Amino acid sequence: MPRWGMVFDLKRCIGCNACVVACKMEHMLPEDVFFTRTFVAERGAFPNVARVYIPTLCNQCEDAPCEKACPSGATYTRADGIVMVDQDKCIGCDACAVACPYDNRTRLPREALERSYFGTGVLQGFEEGRRERWVPGAVAKCDFCSRRIDRALEPACVLACPTEARVFGDLNDAHSAPSQLIRRRNGRPPLPEKNARPKVYYVD
């Protein structure tokens, strides 16, 4: 059984946000809902200053605090390690969002799901899929595009990245691209002190 993970190569990320757009299209997300973001940081001192782009998403933790906090059993982990949310079981209590050390959970209010990007108040095109995909008031998050993975496709954000800054694969396979990158360039998980054991790593 694979154990899916992702590596962000900070030397390759150019902050173009193609990943953000691809994610929104794939998941039919409302305007103010993001499953992945790219933060901007500066390091160094004048005149030697560099800008760094830092992608983020759900870290698919091995020991997921969100799953432990969920009172309804809506949050669960698949056999391949992807942390999921059962929209029909979610009661919208936000316990998982409070427990997440990475602030990577979002509740989907009805008004956001019914608001169009185009200012008409009527959902159009790809937006109409929200009615079938999402339950108003439930919590949602990145699931590594599990529906794509189940069809042997890469996550939308990985496919859209023009610089290959996002590397996705099986962490159980020592020869997979992310496993080799982690070993070769000392990949680090975010906030290891939280002991959540993320399956997302960063290399610089």
C-alpha atoms as a PDB file:
ATOM      1  CA  MET A   1       0.000   0.000   0.000  1.00  0.00           C
ATOM      2  CA  PRO A   2       1.438   3.413  -0.922  1.00  0.00           C
ATOM      3  CA  ARG A   3       1.836   6.174   1.618  1.00  0.00           C
ATOM      4  CA  TRP A   4       1.365   9.388  -0.301  1.00  0.00           C
ATOM      5  CA  GLY A   5       3.439  12.448   0.473  1.00  0.00           C
ATOM      6  CA  MET A   6       4.649  15.674  -1.074  1.00  0.00           C
ATOM      7  CA  VAL A   7       7.860  17.701  -1.071  1.00  0.00           C
ATOM      8  CA  PHE A   8       7.996  21.444  -1.685  1.00  0.00           C
ATOM      9  CA  ASP A   9      11.231  22.616  -3.296  1.00  0.00           C
ATOM     10  CA  LEU A  10      11.589  26.212  -2.093  1.00  0.00           C
ATOM     11  CA  LYS A  11      14.377  26.876  -4.597  1.00  0.00           C
ATOM     12  CA  ARG A  12      11.999  26.141  -7.449  1.00  0.00           C
ATOM     13  CA  CYS A  13       8.799  27.869  -6.266  1.00  0.00           C
ATOM     14  CA  ILE A  14       8.360  31.221  -8.041  1.00  0.00           C
ATOM     15  CA  GLY A  15       5.142  32.272  -6.327  1.00  0.00           C
ATOM     16  CA  CYS A  16       3.065  32.186  -9.524  1.00  0.00           C
ATOM     17  CA  ASN A  17       0.021  30.687  -7.729  1.00  0.00           C
ATOM     18  CA  ALA A  18      -0.773  28.362 -10.632  1.00  0.00           C
ATOM     19  CA  CYS A  19      -1.241  25.705  -7.950  1.00  0.00           C
ATOM     20  CA  VAL A  20      -3.834  27.836  -6.168  1.00  0.00           C
ATOM     21  CA  VAL A  21      -5.843  28.373  -9.357  1.00  0.00           C
ATOM     22  CA  ALA A  22      -5.650  24.683 -10.302  1.00  0.00           C
ATOM     23  CA  CYS A  23      -6.832  23.673  -6.833  1.00  0.00           C
ATOM     24  CA  LYS A  24      -9.785  26.053  -6.968  1.00  0.00           C
ATOM     25  CA  MET A  25     -10.818  24.736 -10.367  1.00  0.00           C
ATOM     26  CA  GLU A  26     -10.428  21.082  -9.382  1.00  0.00           C
ATOM     27  CA  HIS A  27     -12.487  21.437  -6.206  1.00  0.00           C
ATOM     28  CA  MET A  28     -14.920  24.162  -7.359  1.00  0.00           C
ATOM     29  CA  LEU A  29     -13.994  26.251  -4.330  1.00  0.00           C
ATOM     30  CA  PRO A  30     -15.706  29.530  -3.431  1.00  0.00           C
ATOM     31  CA  GLU A  31     -13.813  32.773  -3.862  1.00  0.00           C
ATOM     32  CA  ASP A  32     -12.556  33.055  -0.288  1.00  0.00           C
ATOM     33  CA  VAL A  33     -11.772  29.367   0.304  1.00  0.00           C
ATOM     34  CA  PHE A  34      -8.272  28.004  -0.323  1.00  0.00           C
ATOM     35  CA  PHE A  35      -6.928  24.480   0.141  1.00  0.00           C
ATOM     36  CA  THR A  36      -3.414  25.598  -0.812  1.00  0.00           C
ATOM     37  CA  ARG A  37      -1.742  28.971  -0.394  1.00  0.00           C
ATOM     38  CA  THR A  38       1.652  30.453  -1.151  1.00  0.00           C
ATOM     39  CA  PHE A  39       3.104  32.698   1.525  1.00  0.00           C
ATOM     40  CA  VAL A  40       5.880  35.212   0.861  1.00  0.00           C
ATOM     41  CA  ALA A  41       8.863  35.781   3.146  1.00  0.00           C
ATOM     42  CA  GLU A  42      12.045  37.804   2.899  1.00  0.00           C
ATOM     43  CA  ARG A  43      15.385  36.820   4.321  1.00  0.00           C
ATOM     44  CA  GLY A  44      18.751  38.453   4.540  1.00  0.00           C
ATOM     45  CA  ALA A  45      19.672  42.087   5.115  1.00  0.00           C
ATOM     46  CA  PHE A  46      20.015  44.958   2.685  1.00  0.00           C
ATOM     47  CA  PRO A  47      21.507  44.900   0.138  1.00  0.00           C
ATOM     48  CA  ASN A  48      21.513  41.089   0.126  1.00  0.00           C
ATOM     49  CA  VAL A  49      17.817  40.361   0.436  1.00  0.00           C
ATOM     50  CA  ALA A  50      16.007  37.407  -1.109  1.00  0.00           C
ATOM     51  CA  ARG A  51      12.317  36.692  -1.434  1.00  0.00           C
ATOM     52  CA  VAL A  52      11.156  33.169  -0.625  1.00  0.00           C
ATOM     53  CA  TYR A  53       7.808  31.629  -1.563  1.00  0.00           C
ATOM     54  CA  ILE A  54       6.401  29.069   0.855  1.00  0.00           C
ATOM     55  CA  PRO A  55       3.582  26.809  -0.378  1.00  0.00           C
ATOM     56  CA  THR A  56       1.237  25.269   2.191  1.00  0.00           C
ATOM     57  CA  LEU A  57      -1.616  22.768   2.272  1.00  0.00           C
ATOM     58  CA  CYS A  58      -2.955  20.069   4.570  1.00  0.00           C
ATOM     59  CA  ASN A  59       0.070  18.085   5.714  1.00  0.00           C
ATOM     60  CA  GLN A  60      -1.765  14.717   5.846  1.00  0.00           C
ATOM     61  CA  CYS A  61      -0.389  13.969   9.313  1.00  0.00           C
ATOM     62  CA  GLU A  62       0.347  10.403  10.373  1.00  0.00           C
ATOM     63  CA  ASP A  63      -0.808  11.271  13.900  1.00  0.00           C
ATOM     64  CA  ALA A  64      -3.499  13.762  12.877  1.00  0.00           C
ATOM     65  CA  PRO A  65      -4.692  16.034  15.729  1.00  0.00           C
ATOM     66  CA  CYS A  66      -7.784  16.891  13.673  1.00  0.00           C
ATOM     67  CA  GLU A  67      -8.861  13.247  13.570  1.00  0.00           C
ATOM     68  CA  LYS A  68      -8.446  12.879  17.318  1.00  0.00           C
ATOM     69  CA  ALA A  69     -10.497  16.031  17.953  1.00  0.00           C
ATOM     70  CA  CYS A  70     -13.396  15.176  15.629  1.00  0.00           C
ATOM     71  CA  PRO A  71     -16.409  14.134  17.755  1.00  0.00           C
ATOM     72  CA  SER A  72     -18.505  12.726  14.905  1.00  0.00           C
ATOM     73  CA  GLY A  73     -15.965  10.520  13.129  1.00  0.00           C
ATOM     74  CA  ALA A  74     -16.126  12.715  10.027  1.00  0.00           C
ATOM     75  CA  THR A  75     -12.348  13.004   9.883  1.00  0.00           C
ATOM     76  CA  TYR A  76     -10.595   9.741   9.133  1.00  0.00           C
ATOM     77  CA  THR A  77      -7.401   8.466   7.504  1.00  0.00           C
ATOM     78  CA  ARG A  78      -7.455   6.250   4.426  1.00  0.00           C
ATOM     79  CA  ALA A  79      -5.236   3.183   4.172  1.00  0.00           C
ATOM     80  CA  ASP A  80      -2.878   5.171   1.912  1.00  0.00           C
ATOM     81  CA  GLY A  81      -2.424   7.843   4.596  1.00  0.00           C
ATOM     82  CA  ILE A  82      -4.640  10.589   3.162  1.00  0.00           C
ATOM     83  CA  VAL A  83      -6.649  12.377   5.855  1.00  0.00           C
ATOM     84  CA  MET A  84     -10.238  12.766   4.669  1.00  0.00           C
ATOM     85  CA  VAL A  85     -13.441  14.518   5.747  1.00  0.00           C
ATOM     86  CA  ASP A  86     -16.802  12.775   5.350  1.00  0.00           C
ATOM     87  CA  GLN A  87     -19.026  15.740   4.530  1.00  0.00           C
ATOM     88  CA  ASP A  88     -22.170  13.862   5.540  1.00  0.00           C
ATOM     89  CA  LYS A  89     -20.853  13.125   9.038  1.00  0.00           C
ATOM     90  CA  CYS A  90     -19.379  16.583   9.695  1.00  0.00           C
ATOM     91  CA  ILE A  91     -21.413  18.621  12.200  1.00  0.00           C
ATOM     92  CA  GLY A  92     -19.513  21.863  11.588  1.00  0.00           C
ATOM     93  CA  CYS A  93     -18.252  22.193  15.168  1.00  0.00           C
ATOM     94  CA  ASP A  94     -14.778  23.353  14.051  1.00  0.00           C
ATOM     95  CA  ALA A  95     -13.045  21.160  16.655  1.00  0.00           C
ATOM     96  CA  CYS A  96     -10.748  19.865  13.921  1.00  0.00           C
ATOM     97  CA  ALA A  97      -9.877  23.377  12.785  1.00  0.00           C
ATOM     98  CA  VAL A  98      -8.934  24.344  16.326  1.00  0.00           C
ATOM     99  CA  ALA A  99      -6.835  21.194  16.735  1.00  0.00           C
ATOM    100  CA  CYS A 100      -4.947  21.585  13.435  1.00  0.00           C
ATOM    101  CA  PRO A 101      -1.500  23.068  14.208  1.00  0.00           C
ATOM    102  CA  TYR A 102      -1.198  24.255  10.598  1.00  0.00           C
ATOM    103  CA  ASP A 103      -4.484  26.163  10.242  1.00  0.00           C
ATOM    104  CA  ASN A 104      -5.407  24.160   7.157  1.00  0.00           C
ATOM    105  CA  ARG A 105      -9.135  23.573   7.614  1.00  0.00           C
ATOM    106  CA  THR A 106     -12.051  25.654   6.361  1.00  0.00           C
ATOM    107  CA  ARG A 107     -15.769  25.541   7.087  1.00  0.00           C
ATOM    108  CA  LEU A 108     -17.952  26.073   4.040  1.00  0.00           C
ATOM    109  CA  PRO A 109     -20.849  28.427   4.843  1.00  0.00           C
ATOM    110  CA  ARG A 110     -23.906  28.181   2.622  1.00  0.00           C
ATOM    111  CA  GLU A 111     -23.595  31.775   1.436  1.00  0.00           C
ATOM    112  CA  ALA A 112     -20.040  31.160   0.202  1.00  0.00           C
ATOM    113  CA  LEU A 113     -21.041  28.013  -1.666  1.00  0.00           C
ATOM    114  CA  GLU A 114     -23.920  29.803  -3.369  1.00  0.00           C
ATOM    115  CA  ARG A 115     -21.985  32.952  -4.329  1.00  0.00           C
ATOM    116  CA  SER A 116     -20.733  33.109  -7.912  1.00  0.00           C
ATOM    117  CA  TYR A 117     -17.330  34.374  -8.983  1.00  0.00           C
ATOM    118  CA  PHE A 118     -19.072  36.323 -11.712  1.00  0.00           C
ATOM    119  CA  GLY A 119     -21.167  38.602  -9.520  1.00  0.00           C
ATOM    120  CA  THR A 120     -24.505  37.366 -10.847  1.00  0.00           C
ATOM    121  CA  GLY A 121     -25.571  35.486  -7.746  1.00  0.00           C
ATOM    122  CA  VAL A 122     -26.143  32.424  -9.947  1.00  0.00           C
ATOM    123  CA  LEU A 123     -23.587  29.627 -10.025  1.00  0.00           C
ATOM    124  CA  GLN A 124     -22.164  29.141 -13.492  1.00  0.00           C
ATOM    125  CA  GLY A 125     -20.056  26.551 -15.286  1.00  0.00           C
ATOM    126  CA  PHE A 126     -17.742  24.617 -12.980  1.00  0.00           C
ATOM    127  CA  GLU A 127     -19.252  26.335  -9.916  1.00  0.00           C
ATOM    128  CA  GLU A 128     -22.442  24.293 -10.247  1.00  0.00           C
ATOM    129  CA  GLY A 129     -20.544  21.203  -9.138  1.00  0.00           C
ATOM    130  CA  ARG A 130     -20.367  22.628  -5.632  1.00  0.00           C
ATOM    131  CA  ARG A 131     -23.920  21.503  -4.944  1.00  0.00           C
ATOM    132  CA  GLU A 132     -22.965  17.858  -5.335  1.00  0.00           C
ATOM    133  CA  ARG A 133     -19.464  18.036  -3.885  1.00  0.00           C
ATOM    134  CA  TRP A 134     -19.863  20.103  -0.724  1.00  0.00           C
ATOM    135  CA  VAL A 135     -22.282  20.181   2.221  1.00  0.00           C
ATOM    136  CA  PRO A 136     -23.063  23.684   3.538  1.00  0.00           C
ATOM    137  CA  GLY A 137     -21.644  24.188   7.028  1.00  0.00           C
ATOM    138  CA  ALA A 138     -19.257  21.242   6.805  1.00  0.00           C
ATOM    139  CA  VAL A 139     -15.484  21.481   7.053  1.00  0.00           C
ATOM    140  CA  ALA A 140     -13.257  20.851   4.038  1.00  0.00           C
ATOM    141  CA  LYS A 141      -9.552  20.702   3.270  1.00  0.00           C
ATOM    142  CA  CYS A 142      -6.930  19.429   0.843  1.00  0.00           C
ATOM    143  CA  ASP A 143      -7.046  15.667   0.385  1.00  0.00           C
ATOM    144  CA  PHE A 144      -4.165  15.424  -2.125  1.00  0.00           C
ATOM    145  CA  CYS A 145      -6.882  15.328  -4.830  1.00  0.00           C
ATOM    146  CA  SER A 146      -7.842  11.826  -3.679  1.00  0.00           C
ATOM    147  CA  ARG A 147     -10.329  11.398  -6.526  1.00  0.00           C
ATOM    148  CA  ARG A 148      -7.520  12.018  -9.018  1.00  0.00           C
ATOM    149  CA  ILE A 149      -5.128   9.693  -7.175  1.00  0.00           C
ATOM    150  CA  ASP A 150      -7.742   6.947  -7.308  1.00  0.00           C
ATOM    151  CA  ARG A 151      -7.613   7.328 -11.107  1.00  0.00           C
ATOM    152  CA  ALA A 152      -3.784   7.165 -11.103  1.00  0.00           C
ATOM    153  CA  LEU A 153      -3.486  10.935 -11.719  1.00  0.00           C
ATOM    154  CA  GLU A 154      -1.331  13.474  -9.894  1.00  0.00           C
ATOM    155  CA  PRO A 155      -2.884  16.154  -7.684  1.00  0.00           C
ATOM    156  CA  ALA A 156      -4.028  19.187  -9.672  1.00  0.00           C
ATOM    157  CA  CYS A 157      -1.540  21.514  -7.979  1.00  0.00           C
ATOM    158  CA  VAL A 158       1.385  19.237  -8.872  1.00  0.00           C
ATOM    159  CA  LEU A 159       0.308  18.991 -12.484  1.00  0.00           C
ATOM    160  CA  ALA A 160      -0.096  22.782 -12.774  1.00  0.00           C
ATOM    161  CA  CYS A 161       3.260  23.756 -11.254  1.00  0.00           C
ATOM    162  CA  PRO A 162       5.453  25.141 -14.088  1.00  0.00           C
ATOM    163  CA  THR A 163       8.730  24.700 -12.196  1.00  0.00           C
ATOM    164  CA  GLU A 164       8.107  21.256 -10.658  1.00  0.00           C
ATOM    165  CA  ALA A 165       8.385  22.759  -7.181  1.00  0.00           C
ATOM    166  CA  ARG A 166       5.813  20.248  -5.920  1.00  0.00           C
ATOM    167  CA  VAL A 167       6.986  16.625  -5.956  1.00  0.00           C
ATOM    168  CA  PHE A 168       4.384  13.979  -5.175  1.00  0.00           C
ATOM    169  CA  GLY A 169       4.729  10.245  -4.678  1.00  0.00           C
ATOM    170  CA  ASP A 170       4.875   7.192  -2.433  1.00  0.00           C
ATOM    171  CA  LEU A 171       6.931   7.761   0.705  1.00  0.00           C
ATOM    172  CA  ASN A 172       7.031   3.994   1.280  1.00  0.00           C
ATOM    173  CA  ASP A 173       9.004   3.635  -1.936  1.00  0.00           C
ATOM    174  CA  ALA A 174      12.652   4.475  -1.271  1.00  0.00           C
ATOM    175  CA  HIS A 175      13.142   5.097  -4.994  1.00  0.00           C
ATOM    176  CA  SER A 176      10.222   7.489  -5.457  1.00  0.00           C
ATOM    177  CA  ALA A 177      10.979  11.106  -6.344  1.00  0.00           C
ATOM    178  CA  PRO A 178       9.890  12.582  -2.983  1.00  0.00           C
ATOM    179  CA  SER A 179      11.745   9.933  -0.959  1.00  0.00           C
ATOM    180  CA  GLN A 180      14.964  10.563  -2.856  1.00  0.00           C
ATOM    181  CA  LEU A 181      14.579  14.330  -2.573  1.00  0.00           C
ATOM    182  CA  ILE A 182      14.023  14.129   1.181  1.00  0.00           C
ATOM    183  CA  ARG A 183      17.178  12.053   1.627  1.00  0.00           C
ATOM    184  CA  ARG A 184      19.363  13.973  -0.804  1.00  0.00           C
ATOM    185  CA  ARG A 185      18.469  17.458   0.401  1.00  0.00           C
ATOM    186  CA  ASN A 186      17.559  16.866   4.031  1.00  0.00           C
ATOM    187  CA  GLY A 187      13.796  17.357   3.705  1.00  0.00           C
ATOM    188  CA  ARG A 188      12.126  18.808   6.776  1.00  0.00           C
ATOM    189  CA  PRO A 189       8.477  18.582   7.871  1.00  0.00           C
ATOM    190  CA  PRO A 190       6.765  21.769   9.089  1.00  0.00           C
ATOM    191  CA  LEU A 191       6.600  22.305  12.861  1.00  0.00           C
ATOM    192  CA  PRO A 192       8.067  18.917  13.831  1.00  0.00           C
ATOM    193  CA  GLU A 193       7.734  19.910  17.490  1.00  0.00           C
ATOM    194  CA  LYS A 194       3.963  19.385  17.174  1.00  0.00           C
ATOM    195  CA  ASN A 195       4.610  15.629  16.823  1.00  0.00           C
ATOM    196  CA  ALA A 196       1.887  15.259  14.180  1.00  0.00           C
ATOM    197  CA  ARG A 197       4.290  13.511  11.763  1.00  0.00           C
ATOM    198  CA  PRO A 198       3.342  15.306   8.546  1.00  0.00           C
ATOM    199  CA  LYS A 199       3.738  13.631   5.173  1.00  0.00           C
ATOM    200  CA  VAL A 200       4.648  16.978   3.589  1.00  0.00           C
ATOM    201  CA  TYR A 201       8.301  18.090   3.555  1.00  0.00           C
ATOM    202  CA  TYR A 202      10.275  21.166   2.532  1.00  0.00           C
ATOM    203  CA  VAL A 203      13.709  21.319   0.915  1.00  0.00           C
ATOM    204  CA  ASP A 204      15.826  24.438   0.406  1.00  0.00           C
END
